[in-house]
């Protein structure tokens, strides 16, 4: 696979809390130039991007990000607002405290609620693997599958670690056939990008891919 073709798997991402519009606009222009799968941006920029770029860009945004412990009602409101503003894809963070308390059903119900809201739009579920045991990861594979979400996603990029090939293998073993995989966090080389795609990831969340193809330095995410 050619380097530029790998960018079609990428959610071109900028989620820094200090990101100015100029940087967001550069992200969007790069996404158009290199035909990335989407741009993944803070919710506050969704409406402005949609007004400026319209349907030329697929806009992805994050919900309950990055800690996940806001209430399901808050996440539901965030999700509806993002869709109204023009988002076509939603990356939600699960309530990790529910998982650590062993309340997997509650986590599943929250995912199902957001999938009900997103409807035919794409819902990706960030389970933040760095904080979970193997048992908890498997439980979230089942929860994401049962809730009819579209993707399971490894990480926010703000945790203690990002995607690993070991976790991708675990996901593939335990998710349902309709669930796809997104790797995020720590994909900072073309070799990483290729490895995760070959491992079965349909999306890669990274801020580095375009720079890498340009021969520039990788970003932090």
N, C-alpha and C. Protein backbone atom coordinates (compact mmCIF):
# COMPACT_ATOMS: atom_id res chain seq x y z
N UNK A 1 0.85 -1.20 0.00
CA UNK A 1 0.00 0.00 0.00
C UNK A 1 0.88 1.25 0.00
N UNK A 2 0.57 2.18 -0.88
CA UNK A 2 1.33 3.42 -0.95
C UNK A 2 1.08 4.28 0.27
N UNK A 3 2.05 5.13 0.59
CA UNK A 3 1.94 5.99 1.78
C UNK A 3 0.69 6.86 1.70
N UNK A 4 0.45 7.47 0.56
CA UNK A 4 -0.71 8.37 0.43
C UNK A 4 -2.01 7.60 0.59
N UNK A 5 -2.06 6.36 0.11
CA UNK A 5 -3.27 5.54 0.24
C UNK A 5 -3.59 5.25 1.70
N UNK A 6 -2.56 5.14 2.54
CA UNK A 6 -2.80 4.88 3.95
C UNK A 6 -3.56 6.03 4.61
N UNK A 7 -3.43 7.23 4.06
CA UNK A 7 -4.12 8.39 4.64
C UNK A 7 -5.64 8.27 4.53
N UNK A 8 -6.12 7.43 3.62
CA UNK A 8 -7.56 7.25 3.49
C UNK A 8 -8.15 6.54 4.71
N UNK A 9 -7.30 5.95 5.53
CA UNK A 9 -7.74 5.29 6.77
C UNK A 9 -7.72 6.24 7.97
N UNK A 10 -7.18 7.43 7.77
CA UNK A 10 -6.85 8.30 8.90
C UNK A 10 -7.97 9.29 9.23
N UNK A 11 -8.32 9.36 10.51
CA UNK A 11 -9.09 10.49 11.03
C UNK A 11 -8.05 11.55 11.41
N UNK A 12 -7.89 12.54 10.55
CA UNK A 12 -6.85 13.57 10.74
C UNK A 12 -7.26 14.42 11.95
N UNK A 13 -6.45 14.36 12.98
CA UNK A 13 -6.91 14.74 14.32
C UNK A 13 -6.16 15.94 14.89
N UNK A 14 -6.93 16.84 15.50
CA UNK A 14 -6.36 17.93 16.29
C UNK A 14 -7.30 18.19 17.46
N UNK A 15 -6.91 17.73 18.64
CA UNK A 15 -7.75 17.85 19.83
C UNK A 15 -7.04 18.57 20.98
N UNK A 16 -5.97 19.27 20.66
CA UNK A 16 -5.29 20.05 21.70
C UNK A 16 -6.23 21.12 22.25
N UNK A 17 -6.25 21.31 23.56
CA UNK A 17 -7.17 22.30 24.14
C UNK A 17 -6.82 23.74 23.79
N UNK A 18 -5.63 23.96 23.23
CA UNK A 18 -5.22 25.32 22.87
C UNK A 18 -5.19 25.53 21.36
N UNK A 19 -5.81 24.63 20.60
CA UNK A 19 -5.75 24.70 19.14
C UNK A 19 -6.51 25.91 18.61
N UNK A 20 -5.83 26.85 17.93
CA UNK A 20 -6.51 28.01 17.34
C UNK A 20 -7.14 27.65 16.00
N UNK A 21 -8.01 28.53 15.51
CA UNK A 21 -8.69 28.28 14.24
C UNK A 21 -7.72 28.10 13.10
N UNK A 22 -6.62 28.83 13.08
CA UNK A 22 -5.66 28.71 11.99
C UNK A 22 -5.14 27.28 11.86
N UNK A 23 -4.91 26.63 12.99
CA UNK A 23 -4.43 25.24 12.97
C UNK A 23 -5.55 24.28 12.54
N UNK A 24 -6.75 24.56 12.98
CA UNK A 24 -7.89 23.73 12.59
C UNK A 24 -8.11 23.85 11.08
N UNK A 25 -8.02 25.06 10.56
CA UNK A 25 -8.20 25.27 9.12
C UNK A 25 -7.12 24.54 8.33
N UNK A 26 -5.88 24.57 8.80
CA UNK A 26 -4.81 23.83 8.13
C UNK A 26 -5.11 22.34 8.13
N UNK A 27 -5.62 21.83 9.25
CA UNK A 27 -6.01 20.42 9.35
C UNK A 27 -7.04 20.08 8.28
N UNK A 28 -8.04 20.93 8.16
CA UNK A 28 -9.12 20.69 7.20
C UNK A 28 -8.60 20.75 5.76
N UNK A 29 -7.75 21.72 5.47
CA UNK A 29 -7.19 21.84 4.13
C UNK A 29 -6.33 20.61 3.79
N UNK A 30 -5.58 20.14 4.75
CA UNK A 30 -4.77 18.93 4.54
C UNK A 30 -5.66 17.71 4.32
N UNK A 31 -6.75 17.64 5.07
CA UNK A 31 -7.68 16.51 4.92
C UNK A 31 -8.26 16.47 3.51
N UNK A 32 -8.59 17.64 2.98
CA UNK A 32 -9.09 17.71 1.61
C UNK A 32 -8.01 17.32 0.61
N UNK A 33 -6.82 17.84 0.81
CA UNK A 33 -5.72 17.58 -0.12
C UNK A 33 -5.36 16.10 -0.18
N UNK A 34 -5.30 15.47 0.99
CA UNK A 34 -4.83 14.09 1.05
C UNK A 34 -5.97 13.07 1.17
N UNK A 35 -7.21 13.56 1.18
CA UNK A 35 -8.40 12.70 1.20
C UNK A 35 -8.38 11.75 2.40
N UNK A 36 -8.17 12.31 3.58
CA UNK A 36 -8.27 11.51 4.80
C UNK A 36 -9.73 11.13 5.04
N UNK A 37 -9.93 10.12 5.88
CA UNK A 37 -11.29 9.64 6.13
C UNK A 37 -12.17 10.72 6.75
N UNK A 38 -11.57 11.53 7.63
CA UNK A 38 -12.31 12.60 8.29
C UNK A 38 -11.32 13.57 8.91
N UNK A 39 -11.85 14.65 9.47
CA UNK A 39 -11.11 15.44 10.45
C UNK A 39 -11.77 15.19 11.81
N UNK A 40 -10.95 15.00 12.82
CA UNK A 40 -11.45 14.79 14.18
C UNK A 40 -11.07 16.00 15.01
N UNK A 41 -12.07 16.76 15.46
CA UNK A 41 -11.85 18.09 16.03
C UNK A 41 -12.69 18.29 17.28
N UNK A 42 -12.35 19.30 18.09
CA UNK A 42 -13.18 19.62 19.26
C UNK A 42 -14.59 20.03 18.85
N UNK A 43 -15.59 19.74 19.68
CA UNK A 43 -16.98 20.08 19.34
C UNK A 43 -17.20 21.56 19.03
N UNK A 44 -16.43 22.42 19.66
CA UNK A 44 -16.64 23.86 19.46
C UNK A 44 -16.33 24.32 18.05
N UNK A 45 -15.61 23.51 17.27
CA UNK A 45 -15.26 23.88 15.91
C UNK A 45 -16.14 23.25 14.85
N UNK A 46 -17.02 22.33 15.23
CA UNK A 46 -17.78 21.58 14.24
C UNK A 46 -18.63 22.50 13.36
N UNK A 47 -19.37 23.40 13.98
CA UNK A 47 -20.27 24.28 13.23
C UNK A 47 -19.48 25.16 12.26
N UNK A 48 -18.39 25.72 12.71
CA UNK A 48 -17.60 26.61 11.86
C UNK A 48 -17.01 25.86 10.67
N UNK A 49 -16.52 24.65 10.92
CA UNK A 49 -15.99 23.84 9.83
C UNK A 49 -17.09 23.50 8.83
N UNK A 50 -18.24 23.12 9.35
CA UNK A 50 -19.34 22.74 8.46
C UNK A 50 -19.79 23.92 7.59
N UNK A 51 -19.82 25.11 8.17
CA UNK A 51 -20.21 26.29 7.40
C UNK A 51 -19.18 26.62 6.33
N UNK A 52 -17.90 26.42 6.64
CA UNK A 52 -16.84 26.80 5.70
C UNK A 52 -16.58 25.74 4.63
N UNK A 53 -16.71 24.46 5.01
CA UNK A 53 -16.33 23.39 4.09
C UNK A 53 -17.53 22.58 3.59
N UNK A 54 -18.66 22.69 4.26
CA UNK A 54 -19.85 21.97 3.83
C UNK A 54 -19.64 20.47 3.78
N UNK A 55 -20.13 19.85 2.72
CA UNK A 55 -20.06 18.40 2.59
C UNK A 55 -18.75 17.92 1.98
N UNK A 56 -17.82 18.83 1.77
CA UNK A 56 -16.52 18.41 1.21
C UNK A 56 -15.70 17.65 2.24
N UNK A 57 -16.01 17.83 3.51
CA UNK A 57 -15.29 17.16 4.58
C UNK A 57 -16.23 16.32 5.43
N UNK A 58 -15.74 15.17 5.86
CA UNK A 58 -16.44 14.40 6.89
C UNK A 58 -15.91 14.86 8.25
N UNK A 59 -16.82 15.38 9.06
CA UNK A 59 -16.42 15.93 10.36
C UNK A 59 -16.71 14.93 11.46
N UNK A 60 -15.67 14.61 12.21
CA UNK A 60 -15.77 13.76 13.39
C UNK A 60 -15.49 14.62 14.61
N UNK A 61 -16.23 14.37 15.70
CA UNK A 61 -15.93 15.08 16.94
C UNK A 61 -16.05 14.14 18.12
N UNK A 62 -15.65 14.63 19.27
CA UNK A 62 -15.55 13.78 20.47
C UNK A 62 -16.59 14.18 21.51
N UNK A 63 -17.06 13.17 22.23
CA UNK A 63 -18.10 13.35 23.23
C UNK A 63 -17.63 12.75 24.56
N UNK A 64 -17.84 13.47 25.67
CA UNK A 64 -17.38 12.99 26.97
C UNK A 64 -15.87 12.89 27.03
N UNK A 65 -15.23 13.75 26.29
CA UNK A 65 -13.78 13.66 26.07
C UNK A 65 -13.00 14.57 26.99
N UNK A 66 -11.86 14.13 27.53
CA UNK A 66 -11.22 12.83 27.36
C UNK A 66 -11.43 11.86 28.51
N UNK A 67 -12.14 12.27 29.56
CA UNK A 67 -12.19 11.45 30.79
C UNK A 67 -13.38 10.51 30.86
N UNK A 68 -14.47 10.84 30.17
CA UNK A 68 -15.58 9.91 30.05
C UNK A 68 -16.57 9.87 31.20
N UNK A 69 -16.30 10.59 32.29
CA UNK A 69 -17.15 10.39 33.46
C UNK A 69 -18.29 11.40 33.61
N UNK A 70 -18.60 12.15 32.56
CA UNK A 70 -19.82 12.95 32.59
C UNK A 70 -21.02 12.02 32.48
N UNK A 71 -22.19 12.51 32.86
CA UNK A 71 -23.38 11.66 32.87
C UNK A 71 -23.83 11.32 31.45
N UNK A 72 -24.62 10.27 31.33
CA UNK A 72 -25.10 9.88 30.00
C UNK A 72 -26.01 10.96 29.42
N UNK A 73 -26.73 11.68 30.29
CA UNK A 73 -27.58 12.76 29.81
C UNK A 73 -26.75 13.89 29.21
N UNK A 74 -25.62 14.19 29.85
CA UNK A 74 -24.71 15.20 29.33
C UNK A 74 -24.13 14.77 27.99
N UNK A 75 -23.71 13.51 27.91
CA UNK A 75 -23.18 13.00 26.65
C UNK A 75 -24.24 13.01 25.56
N UNK A 76 -25.47 12.69 25.92
CA UNK A 76 -26.56 12.70 24.94
C UNK A 76 -26.76 14.10 24.39
N UNK A 77 -26.73 15.10 25.26
CA UNK A 77 -26.88 16.49 24.82
C UNK A 77 -25.73 16.89 23.89
N UNK A 78 -24.51 16.55 24.31
CA UNK A 78 -23.33 16.85 23.49
C UNK A 78 -23.46 16.22 22.11
N UNK A 79 -23.92 14.98 22.08
CA UNK A 79 -24.04 14.24 20.84
C UNK A 79 -25.06 14.89 19.90
N UNK A 80 -26.23 15.22 20.44
CA UNK A 80 -27.26 15.86 19.62
C UNK A 80 -26.77 17.20 19.07
N UNK A 81 -26.10 17.97 19.92
CA UNK A 81 -25.59 19.27 19.48
C UNK A 81 -24.57 19.11 18.36
N UNK A 82 -23.68 18.15 18.52
CA UNK A 82 -22.64 17.93 17.51
C UNK A 82 -23.26 17.54 16.16
N UNK A 83 -24.27 16.70 16.20
CA UNK A 83 -24.94 16.29 14.96
C UNK A 83 -25.66 17.47 14.31
N UNK A 84 -26.32 18.28 15.13
CA UNK A 84 -26.99 19.47 14.61
C UNK A 84 -25.98 20.44 13.99
N UNK A 85 -24.77 20.49 14.56
CA UNK A 85 -23.74 21.41 14.06
C UNK A 85 -23.10 20.92 12.77
N UNK A 86 -23.28 19.65 12.44
CA UNK A 86 -22.74 19.15 11.18
C UNK A 86 -21.81 17.96 11.28
N UNK A 87 -21.65 17.40 12.48
CA UNK A 87 -20.78 16.22 12.62
C UNK A 87 -21.44 15.01 11.96
N UNK A 88 -20.63 14.20 11.30
CA UNK A 88 -21.11 12.97 10.69
C UNK A 88 -20.63 11.74 11.44
N UNK A 89 -19.64 11.93 12.32
CA UNK A 89 -19.09 10.83 13.10
C UNK A 89 -18.85 11.31 14.53
N UNK A 90 -19.16 10.43 15.47
CA UNK A 90 -19.02 10.74 16.89
C UNK A 90 -18.08 9.73 17.54
N UNK A 91 -17.06 10.23 18.24
CA UNK A 91 -16.17 9.38 19.03
C UNK A 91 -16.45 9.66 20.50
N UNK A 92 -17.12 8.72 21.15
CA UNK A 92 -17.50 8.90 22.56
C UNK A 92 -16.54 8.16 23.47
N UNK A 93 -16.35 8.70 24.67
CA UNK A 93 -15.56 8.01 25.69
C UNK A 93 -16.53 7.34 26.66
N UNK A 94 -16.31 6.07 26.91
CA UNK A 94 -17.15 5.37 27.89
C UNK A 94 -16.93 5.93 29.28
N UNK A 95 -17.87 5.64 30.17
CA UNK A 95 -17.67 5.97 31.57
C UNK A 95 -16.79 4.88 32.18
N UNK A 96 -15.51 5.18 32.27
CA UNK A 96 -14.54 4.19 32.74
C UNK A 96 -14.82 3.78 34.18
N UNK A 97 -15.38 4.69 34.97
CA UNK A 97 -15.70 4.33 36.36
C UNK A 97 -16.74 3.22 36.41
N UNK A 98 -17.69 3.21 35.47
CA UNK A 98 -18.67 2.12 35.43
C UNK A 98 -17.96 0.78 35.19
N UNK A 99 -17.00 0.81 34.29
CA UNK A 99 -16.27 -0.43 33.98
C UNK A 99 -15.46 -0.89 35.19
N UNK A 100 -14.78 0.04 35.84
CA UNK A 100 -13.97 -0.33 37.00
C UNK A 100 -14.84 -0.81 38.16
N UNK A 101 -16.10 -0.36 38.19
CA UNK A 101 -17.04 -0.86 39.21
C UNK A 101 -17.70 -2.17 38.81
N UNK A 102 -17.36 -2.67 37.63
CA UNK A 102 -17.93 -3.93 37.16
C UNK A 102 -19.34 -3.80 36.62
N UNK A 103 -19.80 -2.56 36.42
CA UNK A 103 -21.16 -2.34 35.93
C UNK A 103 -21.14 -2.23 34.41
N UNK A 104 -20.85 -3.36 33.77
CA UNK A 104 -20.72 -3.38 32.32
C UNK A 104 -22.04 -3.08 31.61
N UNK A 105 -23.14 -3.48 32.24
CA UNK A 105 -24.45 -3.24 31.64
C UNK A 105 -24.73 -1.74 31.54
N UNK A 106 -24.35 -1.00 32.56
CA UNK A 106 -24.56 0.44 32.54
C UNK A 106 -23.74 1.08 31.43
N UNK A 107 -22.51 0.64 31.27
CA UNK A 107 -21.67 1.16 30.18
C UNK A 107 -22.30 0.84 28.83
N UNK A 108 -22.83 -0.35 28.70
CA UNK A 108 -23.49 -0.75 27.45
C UNK A 108 -24.72 0.11 27.17
N UNK A 109 -25.50 0.38 28.19
CA UNK A 109 -26.71 1.19 28.01
C UNK A 109 -26.37 2.60 27.56
N UNK A 110 -25.28 3.15 28.07
CA UNK A 110 -24.86 4.49 27.65
C UNK A 110 -24.47 4.48 26.17
N UNK A 111 -23.72 3.46 25.76
CA UNK A 111 -23.33 3.35 24.35
C UNK A 111 -24.57 3.22 23.47
N UNK A 112 -25.51 2.39 23.91
CA UNK A 112 -26.73 2.17 23.13
C UNK A 112 -27.53 3.46 22.99
N UNK A 113 -27.56 4.28 24.04
CA UNK A 113 -28.27 5.56 23.99
C UNK A 113 -27.66 6.46 22.93
N UNK A 114 -26.35 6.55 22.91
CA UNK A 114 -25.71 7.42 21.92
C UNK A 114 -25.84 6.87 20.51
N UNK A 115 -25.88 5.54 20.38
CA UNK A 115 -26.09 4.97 19.04
C UNK A 115 -27.51 5.26 18.58
N UNK A 116 -28.46 5.24 19.49
CA UNK A 116 -29.83 5.60 19.14
C UNK A 116 -29.89 7.03 18.62
N UNK A 117 -29.12 7.91 19.24
CA UNK A 117 -29.11 9.32 18.84
C UNK A 117 -28.40 9.49 17.50
N UNK A 118 -27.28 8.82 17.31
CA UNK A 118 -26.52 8.99 16.07
C UNK A 118 -27.22 8.36 14.87
N UNK A 119 -28.01 7.34 15.10
CA UNK A 119 -28.76 6.72 14.01
C UNK A 119 -27.84 6.18 12.93
N UNK A 120 -28.00 6.68 11.69
CA UNK A 120 -27.18 6.17 10.59
C UNK A 120 -25.81 6.83 10.51
N UNK A 121 -25.54 7.76 11.41
CA UNK A 121 -24.19 8.33 11.51
C UNK A 121 -23.29 7.35 12.27
N UNK A 122 -21.99 7.52 12.13
CA UNK A 122 -21.04 6.58 12.72
C UNK A 122 -20.76 6.92 14.19
N UNK A 123 -20.83 5.90 15.03
CA UNK A 123 -20.46 6.03 16.44
C UNK A 123 -19.26 5.15 16.73
N UNK A 124 -18.18 5.80 17.21
CA UNK A 124 -16.98 5.09 17.63
C UNK A 124 -16.90 5.18 19.15
N UNK A 125 -16.57 4.07 19.78
CA UNK A 125 -16.58 3.99 21.25
C UNK A 125 -15.15 3.85 21.76
N UNK A 126 -14.68 4.88 22.46
CA UNK A 126 -13.33 4.88 23.02
C UNK A 126 -13.38 4.20 24.39
N UNK A 127 -12.65 3.09 24.53
CA UNK A 127 -12.69 2.38 25.81
C UNK A 127 -11.47 2.66 26.68
N UNK A 128 -10.51 3.40 26.17
CA UNK A 128 -9.28 3.80 26.89
C UNK A 128 -8.60 2.58 27.51
N UNK A 129 -8.02 1.78 26.62
CA UNK A 129 -7.46 0.48 27.00
C UNK A 129 -6.38 0.56 28.08
N UNK A 130 -5.66 1.66 28.15
CA UNK A 130 -4.56 1.75 29.11
C UNK A 130 -5.01 1.63 30.56
N UNK A 131 -6.29 1.87 30.82
CA UNK A 131 -6.81 1.80 32.18
C UNK A 131 -7.55 0.49 32.48
N UNK A 132 -7.68 -0.39 31.50
CA UNK A 132 -8.53 -1.57 31.66
C UNK A 132 -7.72 -2.86 31.73
N UNK A 133 -8.25 -3.81 32.48
CA UNK A 133 -7.69 -5.16 32.49
C UNK A 133 -8.15 -5.90 31.24
N UNK A 134 -7.57 -7.05 30.99
CA UNK A 134 -7.98 -7.87 29.84
C UNK A 134 -9.46 -8.22 29.95
N UNK A 135 -9.89 -8.61 31.13
CA UNK A 135 -11.30 -8.95 31.35
C UNK A 135 -12.21 -7.76 31.03
N UNK A 136 -11.81 -6.58 31.46
CA UNK A 136 -12.62 -5.39 31.21
C UNK A 136 -12.64 -5.02 29.72
N UNK A 137 -11.52 -5.20 29.05
CA UNK A 137 -11.48 -4.95 27.60
C UNK A 137 -12.43 -5.89 26.87
N UNK A 138 -12.42 -7.15 27.24
CA UNK A 138 -13.31 -8.13 26.61
C UNK A 138 -14.76 -7.76 26.87
N UNK A 139 -15.05 -7.36 28.10
CA UNK A 139 -16.42 -6.94 28.44
C UNK A 139 -16.87 -5.76 27.60
N UNK A 140 -15.96 -4.83 27.32
CA UNK A 140 -16.33 -3.68 26.50
C UNK A 140 -16.46 -4.05 25.02
N UNK A 141 -15.71 -5.05 24.57
CA UNK A 141 -15.95 -5.57 23.22
C UNK A 141 -17.39 -6.06 23.08
N UNK A 142 -17.84 -6.78 24.10
CA UNK A 142 -19.22 -7.28 24.09
C UNK A 142 -20.22 -6.14 24.20
N UNK A 143 -19.93 -5.15 25.04
CA UNK A 143 -20.85 -4.01 25.21
C UNK A 143 -20.99 -3.22 23.92
N UNK A 144 -19.87 -2.95 23.26
CA UNK A 144 -19.89 -2.20 22.00
C UNK A 144 -20.68 -2.98 20.95
N UNK A 145 -20.48 -4.28 20.90
CA UNK A 145 -21.20 -5.13 19.96
C UNK A 145 -22.69 -5.14 20.25
N UNK A 146 -23.05 -5.37 21.51
CA UNK A 146 -24.47 -5.46 21.89
C UNK A 146 -25.20 -4.14 21.68
N UNK A 147 -24.49 -3.02 21.82
CA UNK A 147 -25.10 -1.70 21.67
C UNK A 147 -25.18 -1.25 20.21
N UNK A 148 -24.68 -2.09 19.30
CA UNK A 148 -24.74 -1.81 17.85
C UNK A 148 -23.91 -0.60 17.43
N UNK A 149 -22.86 -0.29 18.18
CA UNK A 149 -21.96 0.77 17.77
C UNK A 149 -21.18 0.33 16.54
N UNK A 150 -20.62 1.31 15.84
CA UNK A 150 -19.96 1.02 14.57
C UNK A 150 -18.48 0.67 14.73
N UNK A 151 -17.83 1.28 15.72
CA UNK A 151 -16.41 1.06 15.94
C UNK A 151 -16.12 0.91 17.42
N UNK A 152 -15.10 0.15 17.73
CA UNK A 152 -14.44 0.20 19.03
C UNK A 152 -13.10 0.87 18.82
N UNK A 153 -12.77 1.81 19.69
CA UNK A 153 -11.56 2.61 19.53
C UNK A 153 -10.70 2.45 20.78
N UNK A 154 -9.40 2.36 20.58
CA UNK A 154 -8.51 2.04 21.69
C UNK A 154 -8.39 3.14 22.74
N UNK A 155 -8.21 4.38 22.28
CA UNK A 155 -7.65 5.39 23.19
C UNK A 155 -8.07 6.80 22.83
N UNK A 156 -7.96 7.68 23.83
CA UNK A 156 -8.18 9.11 23.59
C UNK A 156 -6.92 9.80 23.10
N UNK A 157 -5.76 9.24 23.43
CA UNK A 157 -4.49 9.92 23.19
C UNK A 157 -4.10 10.78 24.37
N UNK A 158 -4.98 10.87 25.37
CA UNK A 158 -4.70 11.67 26.57
C UNK A 158 -4.45 10.78 27.79
N UNK A 159 -4.53 9.46 27.62
CA UNK A 159 -4.29 8.54 28.71
C UNK A 159 -2.81 8.23 28.88
N UNK A 160 -2.53 7.19 29.63
CA UNK A 160 -1.13 6.84 29.92
C UNK A 160 -0.48 6.05 28.80
N UNK A 161 -1.28 5.56 27.86
CA UNK A 161 -0.73 4.83 26.72
C UNK A 161 -1.76 4.84 25.60
N UNK A 162 -1.29 4.54 24.39
CA UNK A 162 -2.19 4.51 23.25
C UNK A 162 -2.42 3.11 22.73
N UNK A 163 -2.65 3.02 21.43
CA UNK A 163 -2.98 1.74 20.81
C UNK A 163 -1.80 0.79 20.83
N UNK A 164 -2.13 -0.51 20.97
CA UNK A 164 -1.13 -1.57 20.83
C UNK A 164 -1.68 -2.64 19.90
N UNK A 165 -0.80 -3.32 19.21
CA UNK A 165 -1.24 -4.40 18.32
C UNK A 165 -1.85 -5.55 19.12
N UNK A 166 -1.39 -5.72 20.34
CA UNK A 166 -1.95 -6.77 21.20
C UNK A 166 -3.44 -6.51 21.45
N UNK A 167 -3.80 -5.25 21.71
CA UNK A 167 -5.21 -4.93 21.94
C UNK A 167 -6.04 -5.08 20.66
N UNK A 168 -5.46 -4.77 19.52
CA UNK A 168 -6.18 -4.95 18.26
C UNK A 168 -6.51 -6.43 18.07
N UNK A 169 -5.57 -7.30 18.36
CA UNK A 169 -5.82 -8.74 18.26
C UNK A 169 -6.91 -9.19 19.21
N UNK A 170 -6.89 -8.63 20.41
CA UNK A 170 -7.92 -8.97 21.40
C UNK A 170 -9.30 -8.52 20.92
N UNK A 171 -9.38 -7.31 20.39
CA UNK A 171 -10.65 -6.80 19.85
C UNK A 171 -11.18 -7.74 18.78
N UNK A 172 -10.33 -8.11 17.83
CA UNK A 172 -10.77 -8.93 16.70
C UNK A 172 -11.36 -10.26 17.18
N UNK A 173 -10.86 -10.74 18.28
CA UNK A 173 -11.32 -12.02 18.82
C UNK A 173 -12.69 -11.91 19.48
N UNK A 174 -13.04 -10.69 19.98
CA UNK A 174 -14.22 -10.58 20.85
C UNK A 174 -15.32 -9.65 20.36
N UNK A 175 -15.09 -8.85 19.31
CA UNK A 175 -16.15 -7.99 18.80
C UNK A 175 -17.02 -8.75 17.81
N UNK A 176 -18.21 -8.22 17.59
CA UNK A 176 -19.10 -8.80 16.61
C UNK A 176 -18.69 -8.43 15.20
N UNK A 177 -19.26 -9.10 14.20
CA UNK A 177 -18.84 -8.89 12.81
C UNK A 177 -19.14 -7.50 12.26
N UNK A 178 -20.10 -6.79 12.88
CA UNK A 178 -20.44 -5.45 12.37
C UNK A 178 -19.55 -4.36 12.94
N UNK A 179 -18.75 -4.69 13.94
CA UNK A 179 -17.93 -3.68 14.63
C UNK A 179 -16.56 -3.57 13.98
N UNK A 180 -16.16 -2.36 13.64
CA UNK A 180 -14.84 -2.11 13.10
C UNK A 180 -13.92 -1.58 14.19
N UNK A 181 -12.65 -1.45 13.88
CA UNK A 181 -11.66 -1.08 14.88
C UNK A 181 -10.94 0.20 14.49
N UNK A 182 -10.81 1.10 15.46
CA UNK A 182 -10.00 2.31 15.29
C UNK A 182 -8.88 2.31 16.31
N UNK A 183 -7.67 2.44 15.84
CA UNK A 183 -6.50 2.58 16.71
C UNK A 183 -6.17 4.06 16.83
N UNK A 184 -5.85 4.50 18.03
CA UNK A 184 -5.53 5.91 18.25
C UNK A 184 -4.52 6.03 19.38
N UNK A 185 -3.70 7.07 19.27
CA UNK A 185 -2.70 7.32 20.29
C UNK A 185 -1.43 6.53 20.03
N UNK A 186 -0.35 7.22 19.81
CA UNK A 186 0.94 6.54 19.65
C UNK A 186 1.26 6.07 18.25
N UNK A 187 0.41 6.42 17.27
CA UNK A 187 0.71 6.05 15.89
C UNK A 187 1.52 7.19 15.29
N UNK A 188 2.84 7.07 15.38
CA UNK A 188 3.70 8.21 15.07
C UNK A 188 4.73 7.93 13.99
N UNK A 189 4.58 6.84 13.28
CA UNK A 189 5.48 6.55 12.17
C UNK A 189 4.69 5.87 11.06
N UNK A 190 5.23 5.90 9.84
CA UNK A 190 4.58 5.22 8.73
C UNK A 190 4.55 3.72 8.97
N UNK A 191 5.55 3.22 9.67
CA UNK A 191 5.57 1.79 10.00
C UNK A 191 4.43 1.45 10.95
N UNK A 192 4.19 2.33 11.94
CA UNK A 192 3.05 2.13 12.85
C UNK A 192 1.74 2.11 12.07
N UNK A 193 1.59 3.09 11.20
CA UNK A 193 0.37 3.23 10.43
C UNK A 193 0.10 1.97 9.61
N UNK A 194 1.11 1.50 8.92
CA UNK A 194 0.98 0.30 8.11
C UNK A 194 0.67 -0.91 8.97
N UNK A 195 1.34 -1.03 10.10
CA UNK A 195 1.15 -2.20 10.97
C UNK A 195 -0.28 -2.28 11.50
N UNK A 196 -0.85 -1.14 11.90
CA UNK A 196 -2.22 -1.16 12.44
C UNK A 196 -3.25 -1.42 11.34
N UNK A 197 -3.01 -0.91 10.16
CA UNK A 197 -3.92 -1.20 9.05
C UNK A 197 -3.87 -2.68 8.69
N UNK A 198 -2.66 -3.22 8.61
CA UNK A 198 -2.51 -4.65 8.28
C UNK A 198 -3.07 -5.54 9.38
N UNK A 199 -3.10 -5.04 10.62
CA UNK A 199 -3.65 -5.80 11.74
C UNK A 199 -5.17 -5.84 11.73
N UNK A 200 -5.79 -4.99 10.89
CA UNK A 200 -7.24 -5.04 10.76
C UNK A 200 -7.98 -3.79 11.15
N UNK A 201 -7.27 -2.69 11.38
CA UNK A 201 -7.92 -1.44 11.74
C UNK A 201 -8.50 -0.77 10.49
N UNK A 202 -9.74 -0.35 10.59
CA UNK A 202 -10.38 0.37 9.49
C UNK A 202 -10.16 1.87 9.59
N UNK A 203 -9.80 2.35 10.77
CA UNK A 203 -9.48 3.76 10.98
C UNK A 203 -8.28 3.87 11.90
N UNK A 204 -7.54 4.96 11.69
CA UNK A 204 -6.42 5.31 12.55
C UNK A 204 -6.61 6.76 12.98
N UNK A 205 -6.60 7.01 14.26
CA UNK A 205 -6.68 8.37 14.77
C UNK A 205 -5.29 8.90 15.07
N UNK A 206 -4.87 9.90 14.34
CA UNK A 206 -3.53 10.45 14.56
C UNK A 206 -3.44 11.87 13.99
N UNK A 207 -2.60 12.65 14.60
CA UNK A 207 -2.29 13.99 14.08
C UNK A 207 -1.02 13.96 13.25
N UNK A 208 -0.38 12.80 13.16
CA UNK A 208 0.96 12.71 12.58
C UNK A 208 1.00 12.29 11.13
N UNK A 209 -0.03 11.61 10.63
CA UNK A 209 0.08 10.90 9.35
C UNK A 209 0.44 11.82 8.19
N UNK A 210 -0.24 12.95 8.07
CA UNK A 210 0.03 13.85 6.95
C UNK A 210 1.46 14.37 7.02
N UNK A 211 1.90 14.76 8.21
CA UNK A 211 3.28 15.22 8.35
C UNK A 211 4.28 14.13 7.96
N UNK A 212 3.98 12.89 8.33
CA UNK A 212 4.88 11.79 8.01
C UNK A 212 5.00 11.60 6.50
N UNK A 213 3.86 11.68 5.81
CA UNK A 213 3.88 11.53 4.36
C UNK A 213 4.65 12.68 3.71
N UNK A 214 4.56 13.86 4.35
CA UNK A 214 5.30 15.03 3.85
C UNK A 214 6.79 14.97 4.21
N UNK A 215 7.17 14.00 5.05
CA UNK A 215 8.54 13.89 5.47
C UNK A 215 8.87 14.79 6.65
N UNK A 216 7.83 15.23 7.36
CA UNK A 216 8.03 16.12 8.50
C UNK A 216 7.98 15.33 9.81
N UNK A 217 8.18 16.02 10.92
CA UNK A 217 8.20 15.40 12.24
C UNK A 217 6.79 15.03 12.69
N UNK A 218 6.67 13.91 13.38
CA UNK A 218 5.39 13.47 13.89
C UNK A 218 4.92 14.38 15.02
N UNK A 219 3.60 14.53 15.13
CA UNK A 219 3.00 15.26 16.24
C UNK A 219 2.91 14.36 17.47
N UNK A 220 2.41 14.92 18.58
CA UNK A 220 2.38 14.17 19.83
C UNK A 220 1.33 13.08 19.83
N UNK A 221 0.20 13.25 19.10
CA UNK A 221 -0.91 12.30 19.18
C UNK A 221 -0.76 11.22 18.11
